[in-house]
Amino acid sequence: MKACESCADRVNIGCHHKQMSVLSRAIGLVFIYLPILTLPFVIISAYLTYYSLKFCGAENVKRYSDFIPDRASHRYDLKTQIVMNPSTRYNLSQLKLFWILNCTWYCPYSVALFEWHAYMVKVVENWWCPFGHAHKQNYANGAIDQSFWHIFPEEKAKLCEEDRNNPIFTVDAEKPQD
């Protein structure tokens, strides 16, 4: 099934979900929760990355809490949480507690963890490797004041003009002329 033009940048899942077997969907549900087993390792990795940046002299590095949505921004609480109709085949989807645990705890905290970790990996990449490539513009949310190469004038001179003057790697980048 070909996606419509307006859906070209989206993952197509809703249009296929009901066509999948119950077994397939059950396995998918198990796979959603298995990564919980990896969370301790991701947390350790994220904090090691955070402290490596701090030990290299980084300031103003965003913290994990900066990526967690404010509780007040959640639309539902246990009292107002919506659930699926009993006519559906999902027993868990009929429980308010299931949705609260997922939508208030599991999803926001795990998404925040992975976003925080990805942000810091981008900062590390921008610090040590201020070299352009096809996706480097995606690292802009990890922009830094100066890369490791930019702090040494003789090394900065070795960079190509685009890398030497990239606002992701240096605050001294020349502003483009309008």
Protein backbone atom coordinates (compact mmCIF):
# COMPACT_ATOMS: atom_id res chain seq x y z
CA MET A 1 0.00 0.00 0.00
CA LYS A 2 1.51 3.29 -1.10
CA ALA A 3 1.30 6.22 1.30
CA CYS A 4 -0.48 9.35 0.18
CA GLU A 5 1.70 12.37 -0.51
CA SER A 6 0.65 14.08 2.74
CA CYS A 7 1.72 10.94 4.68
CA ALA A 8 5.11 10.56 2.99
CA ASP A 9 7.00 11.65 6.12
CA ARG A 10 4.92 9.56 8.51
CA VAL A 11 5.12 5.98 9.68
CA ASN A 12 2.09 4.08 8.41
CA ILE A 13 0.82 1.96 11.29
CA GLY A 14 -2.82 2.87 11.95
CA CYS A 15 -3.92 1.82 8.48
CA HIS A 16 -2.52 -1.71 9.02
CA HIS A 17 -3.07 -2.35 12.73
CA LYS A 18 -6.53 -3.93 12.56
CA GLN A 19 -5.37 -6.23 9.75
CA MET A 20 -2.61 -7.72 11.91
CA SER A 21 -3.33 -10.95 13.79
CA VAL A 22 -3.96 -10.84 17.53
CA LEU A 23 -0.78 -12.91 18.01
CA SER A 24 1.25 -10.41 15.98
CA ARG A 25 -0.12 -7.50 18.01
CA ALA A 26 0.52 -9.36 21.29
CA ILE A 27 4.14 -9.98 20.31
CA GLY A 28 4.43 -6.31 19.37
CA LEU A 29 3.12 -5.35 22.80
CA VAL A 30 5.70 -7.56 24.51
CA PHE A 31 8.45 -6.00 22.38
CA ILE A 32 7.33 -2.53 23.49
CA TYR A 33 7.99 -3.38 27.12
CA LEU A 34 11.15 -5.53 26.78
CA PRO A 35 13.38 -2.43 26.42
CA ILE A 36 12.53 -1.65 30.05
CA LEU A 37 15.23 -4.22 30.80
CA THR A 38 17.78 -2.01 29.02
CA LEU A 39 16.81 1.22 30.79
CA PRO A 40 19.38 0.82 33.59
CA PHE A 41 22.14 0.58 30.97
CA VAL A 42 20.81 3.55 29.02
CA ILE A 43 20.58 5.58 32.25
CA ILE A 44 24.18 4.67 33.13
CA SER A 45 25.33 5.52 29.60
CA ALA A 46 23.49 8.85 29.65
CA TYR A 47 24.97 9.87 32.99
CA LEU A 48 28.47 8.78 31.91
CA THR A 49 28.06 10.97 28.82
CA TYR A 50 26.77 13.85 30.94
CA TYR A 51 29.69 13.66 33.37
CA SER A 52 32.24 13.22 30.59
CA LEU A 53 31.02 16.54 29.19
CA LYS A 54 31.23 18.15 32.62
CA PHE A 55 34.78 16.83 33.13
CA CYS A 56 35.75 18.27 29.74
CA GLY A 57 34.56 21.69 30.96
CA ALA A 58 31.03 21.86 29.58
CA GLU A 59 28.55 24.24 31.19
CA ASN A 60 24.87 24.75 30.45
CA VAL A 61 24.42 21.11 29.44
CA LYS A 62 20.73 20.32 29.64
CA ARG A 63 19.75 17.88 32.35
CA TYR A 64 17.42 14.89 32.11
CA SER A 65 14.71 16.86 33.90
CA ASP A 66 14.76 19.43 31.06
CA PHE A 67 13.36 16.75 28.75
CA ILE A 68 10.59 15.46 31.04
CA PRO A 69 7.21 17.09 30.37
CA ASP A 70 5.64 18.97 33.26
CA ARG A 71 3.03 16.86 35.04
CA ALA A 72 0.55 19.70 34.73
CA SER A 73 0.80 19.42 30.94
CA HIS A 74 -0.66 15.89 30.92
CA ARG A 75 -4.22 15.96 29.65
CA TYR A 76 -5.56 13.17 31.86
CA ASP A 77 -5.18 11.97 35.41
CA LEU A 78 -6.48 8.75 36.98
CA LYS A 79 -9.91 10.32 37.52
CA THR A 80 -10.37 11.62 33.95
CA GLN A 81 -8.37 9.03 31.97
CA ILE A 82 -10.23 7.69 28.95
CA VAL A 83 -10.18 3.97 28.16
CA MET A 84 -11.11 1.76 25.21
CA ASN A 85 -14.67 0.43 24.90
CA PRO A 86 -15.24 -3.04 26.36
CA SER A 87 -16.12 -4.26 22.86
CA THR A 88 -12.46 -4.14 21.87
CA ARG A 89 -10.33 -7.24 22.30
CA TYR A 90 -7.76 -5.55 24.50
CA ASN A 91 -8.33 -6.16 28.18
CA LEU A 92 -5.49 -3.90 29.33
CA SER A 93 -6.78 -1.04 27.20
CA GLN A 94 -9.92 -0.96 29.34
CA LEU A 95 -7.97 -0.14 32.50
CA LYS A 96 -7.36 3.46 33.51
CA LEU A 97 -4.25 2.45 35.43
CA PHE A 98 -2.74 0.90 32.26
CA TRP A 99 -3.03 4.19 30.37
CA ILE A 100 -1.86 6.31 33.30
CA LEU A 101 1.23 4.15 33.80
CA ASN A 102 1.98 4.25 30.09
CA CYS A 103 1.10 7.83 29.25
CA THR A 104 2.21 9.52 32.47
CA TRP A 105 5.25 7.46 33.38
CA TYR A 106 6.65 4.97 30.86
CA CYS A 107 6.38 6.99 27.65
CA PRO A 108 7.35 10.50 28.80
CA TYR A 109 10.22 9.32 30.99
CA SER A 110 11.66 6.89 28.46
CA VAL A 111 11.27 9.33 25.54
CA ALA A 112 12.89 12.03 27.69
CA LEU A 113 15.77 9.69 28.56
CA PHE A 114 16.49 8.84 24.94
CA GLU A 115 16.11 12.45 23.79
CA TRP A 116 18.45 13.62 26.56
CA HIS A 117 20.99 10.97 25.67
CA ALA A 118 20.76 11.77 21.93
CA TYR A 119 21.16 15.48 22.70
CA MET A 120 24.33 14.84 24.71
CA VAL A 121 25.77 12.53 22.05
CA LYS A 122 25.26 15.39 19.58
CA VAL A 123 27.08 17.76 21.94
CA VAL A 124 29.94 15.26 22.21
CA GLU A 125 30.01 14.87 18.43
CA ASN A 126 30.03 18.64 17.91
CA TRP A 127 32.83 19.03 20.48
CA TRP A 128 35.19 16.36 19.14
CA CYS A 129 34.16 16.19 15.47
CA PRO A 130 33.21 19.53 13.92
CA PHE A 131 33.26 18.02 10.46
CA GLY A 132 30.26 18.38 8.18
CA HIS A 133 28.30 15.49 6.68
CA ALA A 134 24.86 15.00 5.17
CA HIS A 135 23.03 14.97 8.52
CA LYS A 136 25.13 17.36 10.58
CA GLN A 137 22.36 20.00 10.54
CA ASN A 138 20.36 17.58 12.72
CA TYR A 139 22.94 18.16 15.47
CA ALA A 140 21.96 21.83 15.86
CA ASN A 141 20.10 21.23 19.12
CA GLY A 142 23.51 20.24 20.55
CA ALA A 143 25.23 23.42 19.35
CA ILE A 144 28.33 24.47 21.30
CA ASP A 145 30.40 27.62 21.75
CA GLN A 146 33.58 26.18 20.22
CA SER A 147 34.69 22.72 19.19
CA PHE A 148 37.90 21.11 20.35
CA TRP A 149 39.40 22.12 17.00
CA HIS A 150 38.16 25.70 17.25
CA ILE A 151 39.94 26.40 20.56
CA PHE A 152 43.36 25.90 18.95
CA PRO A 153 43.97 28.56 16.24
CA GLU A 154 46.55 26.46 14.39
CA GLU A 155 44.13 23.50 14.29
CA LYS A 156 41.11 25.63 13.44
CA ALA A 157 43.01 26.82 10.34
CA LYS A 158 43.12 23.19 9.12
CA LEU A 159 39.33 22.99 8.98
CA CYS A 160 37.63 23.65 5.67
CA GLU A 161 35.78 26.98 5.57
CA GLU A 162 32.36 25.39 6.07
CA ASP A 163 33.50 23.57 9.22
CA ARG A 164 35.54 26.50 10.51
CA ASN A 165 32.54 28.83 10.14
CA ASN A 166 29.63 26.55 11.14
CA PRO A 167 27.32 28.01 13.84
CA ILE A 168 26.77 24.51 15.25
CA PHE A 169 30.46 24.33 16.23
CA THR A 170 31.34 27.94 16.99
CA VAL A 171 29.60 31.09 18.19
CA ASP A 172 32.15 33.05 16.14
CA ALA A 173 30.61 31.92 12.85
CA GLU A 174 30.02 34.75 10.44
CA LYS A 175 26.36 35.55 10.04
CA PRO A 176 25.10 35.04 6.48
CA GLN A 177 24.47 38.22 4.54
CA ASP A 178 20.80 38.88 3.69
